Amino acid sequence: MAGETPRRSQWPLALSLLVALTGLVVLWFYNWRNGVLIFAGAVGLAGLLRATLTDPKAGLLHVRSRMFDITFLFLTATAIAVLGLIVPN
């Protein structure tokens, strides 16, 4: 119909959240360090998806400009991973 806004696909966000939830389950029930690294991977995956997909296909991963989103997600993933690796048991 005329005047409708195009629907945005939400599979990139759903995939990132599914991996993040997997990391939280691993963190809670098995090994906290592996869970944190999986969670960091989920944030990195979100950054990778934001970098490769167009704005309409990125869905809710598109928050600000592409460069800001990518930089923020990759820096956050790196910080989570580094903290997960350097914190002693």
Protein backbone atom coordinates (compact mmCIF):
# COMPACT_ATOMS: atom_id res chain seq x y z
CA MET A 1 0.00 0.00 0.00
CA ALA A 2 1.07 3.53 -0.56
CA GLY A 3 2.50 5.40 2.39
CA GLU A 4 3.54 2.32 4.38
CA THR A 5 6.99 2.22 5.86
CA PRO A 6 9.05 -0.77 4.79
CA ARG A 7 9.34 -3.55 7.36
CA ARG A 8 12.77 -4.10 8.77
CA SER A 9 14.12 -7.59 9.11
CA GLN A 10 14.97 -8.45 12.71
CA TRP A 11 16.90 -11.70 12.18
CA PRO A 12 20.34 -10.08 12.80
CA LEU A 13 19.29 -8.89 16.25
CA ALA A 14 17.55 -12.19 17.00
CA LEU A 15 20.66 -14.17 16.01
CA SER A 16 22.91 -11.98 18.16
CA LEU A 17 20.55 -12.29 21.12
CA LEU A 18 20.36 -16.07 20.71
CA VAL A 19 24.15 -16.35 20.84
CA ALA A 20 24.25 -13.96 23.82
CA LEU A 21 21.62 -16.06 25.62
CA THR A 22 23.69 -19.17 24.93
CA GLY A 23 26.69 -17.43 26.48
CA LEU A 24 24.65 -16.51 29.55
CA VAL A 25 23.45 -20.11 29.96
CA VAL A 26 27.02 -21.39 29.68
CA LEU A 27 28.14 -18.70 32.13
CA TRP A 28 25.47 -19.59 34.67
CA PHE A 29 25.53 -23.41 34.53
CA TYR A 30 28.98 -24.45 33.29
CA ASN A 31 32.08 -22.29 33.01
CA TRP A 32 31.88 -18.54 33.57
CA ARG A 33 34.94 -17.72 31.44
CA ASN A 34 33.64 -19.62 28.41
CA GLY A 35 30.25 -17.98 28.86
CA VAL A 36 31.78 -14.52 28.92
CA LEU A 37 33.76 -15.27 25.76
CA ILE A 38 30.64 -16.56 24.00
CA PHE A 39 28.81 -13.40 25.08
CA ALA A 40 31.67 -11.27 23.72
CA GLY A 41 31.42 -13.25 20.48
CA ALA A 42 27.73 -12.40 20.29
CA VAL A 43 28.50 -8.69 20.55
CA GLY A 44 31.23 -9.11 17.92
CA LEU A 45 28.75 -10.96 15.70
CA ALA A 46 26.36 -8.04 16.02
CA GLY A 47 29.17 -5.72 14.92
CA LEU A 48 30.01 -7.97 11.99
CA LEU A 49 26.38 -8.15 10.91
CA ARG A 50 26.06 -4.36 11.21
CA ALA A 51 29.19 -3.94 9.08
CA THR A 52 28.04 -6.26 6.29
CA LEU A 53 24.29 -5.62 6.06
CA THR A 54 22.59 -2.56 4.62
CA ASP A 55 20.70 -0.27 6.96
CA PRO A 56 17.21 -1.69 6.25
CA LYS A 57 18.47 -5.28 6.49
CA ALA A 58 20.32 -4.62 9.75
CA GLY A 59 17.01 -3.89 11.46
CA LEU A 60 17.37 -2.83 15.09
CA LEU A 61 21.15 -3.19 14.92
CA HIS A 62 20.97 0.12 13.04
CA VAL A 63 20.95 2.64 15.89
CA ARG A 64 23.21 5.48 14.82
CA SER A 65 25.58 5.84 11.89
CA ARG A 66 27.16 2.68 10.52
CA MET A 67 30.68 3.65 11.65
CA PHE A 68 29.54 4.49 15.19
CA ASP A 69 27.60 1.23 15.54
CA ILE A 70 30.47 -0.90 14.23
CA THR A 71 33.09 0.85 16.36
CA PHE A 72 30.98 0.70 19.51
CA LEU A 73 30.09 -2.99 19.07
CA PHE A 74 33.65 -4.10 18.29
CA LEU A 75 35.15 -2.09 21.15
CA THR A 76 32.55 -3.48 23.54
CA ALA A 77 33.19 -7.05 22.36
CA THR A 78 36.94 -6.55 22.78
CA ALA A 79 36.54 -5.08 26.27
CA ILE A 80 34.29 -7.94 27.39
CA ALA A 81 36.67 -10.56 25.99
CA VAL A 82 39.77 -8.96 27.52
CA LEU A 83 38.11 -8.62 30.92
CA GLY A 84 36.91 -12.21 30.70
CA LEU A 85 40.46 -13.38 30.00
CA ILE A 86 42.37 -11.33 32.55
CA VAL A 87 40.10 -11.74 35.60
CA PRO A 88 41.59 -14.47 37.80
CA ASN A 89 39.54 -17.47 38.87
